[in-house]
C-alpha atoms as a PDB file:
ATOM      1  CA  MET A   1      80.939 131.132 -22.540  1.00  0.00           C
ATOM      2  CA  LEU A   2      81.128 133.525 -25.578  1.00  0.00           C
ATOM      3  CA  THR A   3      82.790 133.156 -28.657  1.00  0.00           C
ATOM      4  CA  VAL A   4      85.626 136.567 -30.354  1.00  0.00           C
ATOM      5  CA  LYS A   5      82.708 136.770 -33.514  1.00  0.00           C
ATOM      6  CA  GLU A   6      79.840 136.664 -30.058  1.00  0.00           C
ATOM      7  CA  VAL A   7      82.124 139.549 -28.587  1.00  0.00           C
ATOM      8  CA  ALA A   8      82.584 141.607 -31.534  1.00  0.00           C
ATOM      9  CA  LYS A   9      78.780 141.812 -31.971  1.00  0.00           C
ATOM     10  CA  ARG A  10      77.986 142.519 -28.537  1.00  0.00           C
ATOM     11  CA  LEU A  11      80.558 145.439 -28.527  1.00  0.00           C
ATOM     12  CA  LYS A  12      79.648 146.278 -32.059  1.00  0.00           C
ATOM     13  CA  VAL A  13      83.475 146.149 -33.031  1.00  0.00           C
ATOM     14  CA  SER A  14      85.421 143.943 -35.571  1.00  0.00           C
ATOM     15  CA  ALA A  15      86.983 140.503 -34.271  1.00  0.00           C
ATOM     16  CA  THR A  16      90.177 141.600 -34.667  1.00  0.00           C
ATOM     17  CA  CYS A  17      89.265 144.053 -32.501  1.00  0.00           C
ATOM     18  CA  VAL A  18      89.009 141.724 -30.129  1.00  0.00           C
ATOM     19  CA  TYR A  19      91.690 139.606 -31.097  1.00  0.00           C
ATOM     20  CA  GLN A  20      93.862 142.319 -30.438  1.00  0.00           C
ATOM     21  CA  LEU A  21      91.651 142.990 -26.905  1.00  0.00           C
ATOM     22  CA  ILE A  22      93.114 139.786 -26.238  1.00  0.00           C
ATOM     23  CA  GLU A  23      96.858 140.476 -26.967  1.00  0.00           C
ATOM     24  CA  LYS A  24      96.839 142.750 -25.385  1.00  0.00           C
ATOM     25  CA  GLY A  25      95.960 141.620 -21.798  1.00  0.00           C
ATOM     26  CA  SER A  26      92.612 143.727 -21.486  1.00  0.00           C
ATOM     27  CA  LEU A  27      89.900 140.938 -22.548  1.00  0.00           C
ATOM     28  CA  ALA A  28      90.459 137.725 -20.186  1.00  0.00           C
ATOM     29  CA  CYS A  29      89.461 134.658 -22.068  1.00  0.00           C
ATOM     30  CA  HIS A  30      89.891 130.520 -22.690  1.00  0.00           C
ATOM     31  CA  ARG A  31      91.754 127.864 -24.773  1.00  0.00           C
ATOM     32  CA  ILE A  32      90.007 125.533 -25.340  1.00  0.00           C
ATOM     33  CA  GLY A  33      91.680 122.346 -27.074  1.00  0.00           C
ATOM     34  CA  ILE A  34      94.814 121.281 -27.957  1.00  0.00           C
ATOM     35  CA  GLY A  35      97.582 123.751 -29.628  1.00  0.00           C
ATOM     36  CA  ARG A  36      96.154 127.250 -29.600  1.00  0.00           C
ATOM     37  CA  GLY A  37      92.753 126.487 -28.965  1.00  0.00           C
ATOM     38  CA  THR A  38      89.432 128.043 -30.506  1.00  0.00           C
ATOM     39  CA  ILE A  39      88.924 131.110 -27.915  1.00  0.00           C
ATOM     40  CA  ARG A  40      86.074 131.206 -25.865  1.00  0.00           C
ATOM     41  CA  ILE A  41      84.770 134.682 -23.062  1.00  0.00           C
ATOM     42  CA  GLY A  42      83.358 134.320 -20.366  1.00  0.00           C
ATOM     43  CA  GLU A  43      80.510 136.855 -19.478  1.00  0.00           C
ATOM     44  CA  THR A  44      82.049 137.599 -16.179  1.00  0.00           C
ATOM     45  CA  ASP A  45      85.171 138.734 -18.738  1.00  0.00           C
ATOM     46  CA  LEU A  46      83.818 141.005 -20.569  1.00  0.00           C
ATOM     47  CA  SER A  47      81.484 142.332 -17.591  1.00  0.00           C
ATOM     48  CA  ALA A  48      84.945 143.376 -16.193  1.00  0.00           C
ATOM     49  CA  PHE A  49      86.121 144.253 -19.329  1.00  0.00           C
ATOM     50  CA  LEU A  50      83.855 146.691 -20.210  1.00  0.00           C
ATOM     51  CA  ASP A  51      83.643 148.293 -16.027  1.00  0.00           C
ATOM     52  CA  SER A  52      87.326 149.118 -16.954  1.00  0.00           C
ATOM     53  CA  CYS A  53      86.285 150.842 -19.847  1.00  0.00           C
ATOM     54  CA  ARG A  54      84.380 153.288 -18.192  1.00  0.00           C
ATOM     55  CA  GLU A  55      84.456 156.379 -17.875  1.00  0.00           C
ATOM     56  CA  GLU A  56      82.583 158.724 -15.364  1.00  0.00           C
ATOM     57  CA  TRP A  57      82.051 162.285 -15.926  1.00  0.00           C
ATOM     58  CA  SER A  58      80.734 164.917 -13.301  1.00  0.00           C
ATOM     59  CA  GLU A  59      81.812 168.796 -12.760  1.00  0.00           C
ATOM     60  CA  GLY A  60      84.496 170.047 -10.966  1.00  0.00           C
ATOM     61  CA  ARG A  61      85.905 166.160 -11.546  1.00  0.00           C
ATOM     62  CA  GLN A  62      90.089 166.594 -12.196  1.00  0.00           C
ATOM     63  CA  ALA A  63      90.953 165.270 -15.875  1.00  0.00           C
ATOM     64  CA  SER A  64      93.063 162.356 -15.762  1.00  0.00           C
ATOM     65  CA  PRO A  65      95.338 161.836 -18.451  1.00  0.00           C
ATOM     66  CA  ARG A  66      93.413 159.147 -20.768  1.00  0.00           C
ATOM     67  CA  SER A  67      89.896 162.073 -20.404  1.00  0.00           C
ATOM     68  CA  GLU A  68      92.606 164.927 -21.688  1.00  0.00           C
ATOM     69  CA  ARG A  69      92.458 163.382 -25.320  1.00  0.00           C
ATOM     70  CA  LYS A  70      91.358 165.184 -28.268  1.00  0.00           C
ATOM     71  CA  LEU A  71      89.024 162.542 -30.064  1.00  0.00           C
ATOM     72  CA  LYS A  72      90.357 163.229 -33.709  1.00  0.00           C
ATOM     73  CA  HIS A  73      87.165 163.073 -35.198  1.00  0.00           C
ATOM     74  CA  LEU A  74      85.165 165.957 -32.508  1.00  0.00           C
ATOM     75  CA  LYS A  75      85.938 169.382 -33.932  1.00  0.00           C
ATOM     76  CA  HIS A  76      87.338 171.349 -31.127  1.00  0.00           C
END
């Protein structure tokens, strides 16, 4: 089981981003303890999240709504 900080480090994002992914329901977690509990993320849950984020590009592929988004940091 991984901590929020460990997941953030692996994904190269902030801990706040990990908390937001959990709150949104995109990243599954376990709460261990009394009250709010300590958050832990399983390796399989992290792998499932990463698989759900994957976009494959191939020639002739129809554009999906997600791939049609313009990336603000790229000049078009």
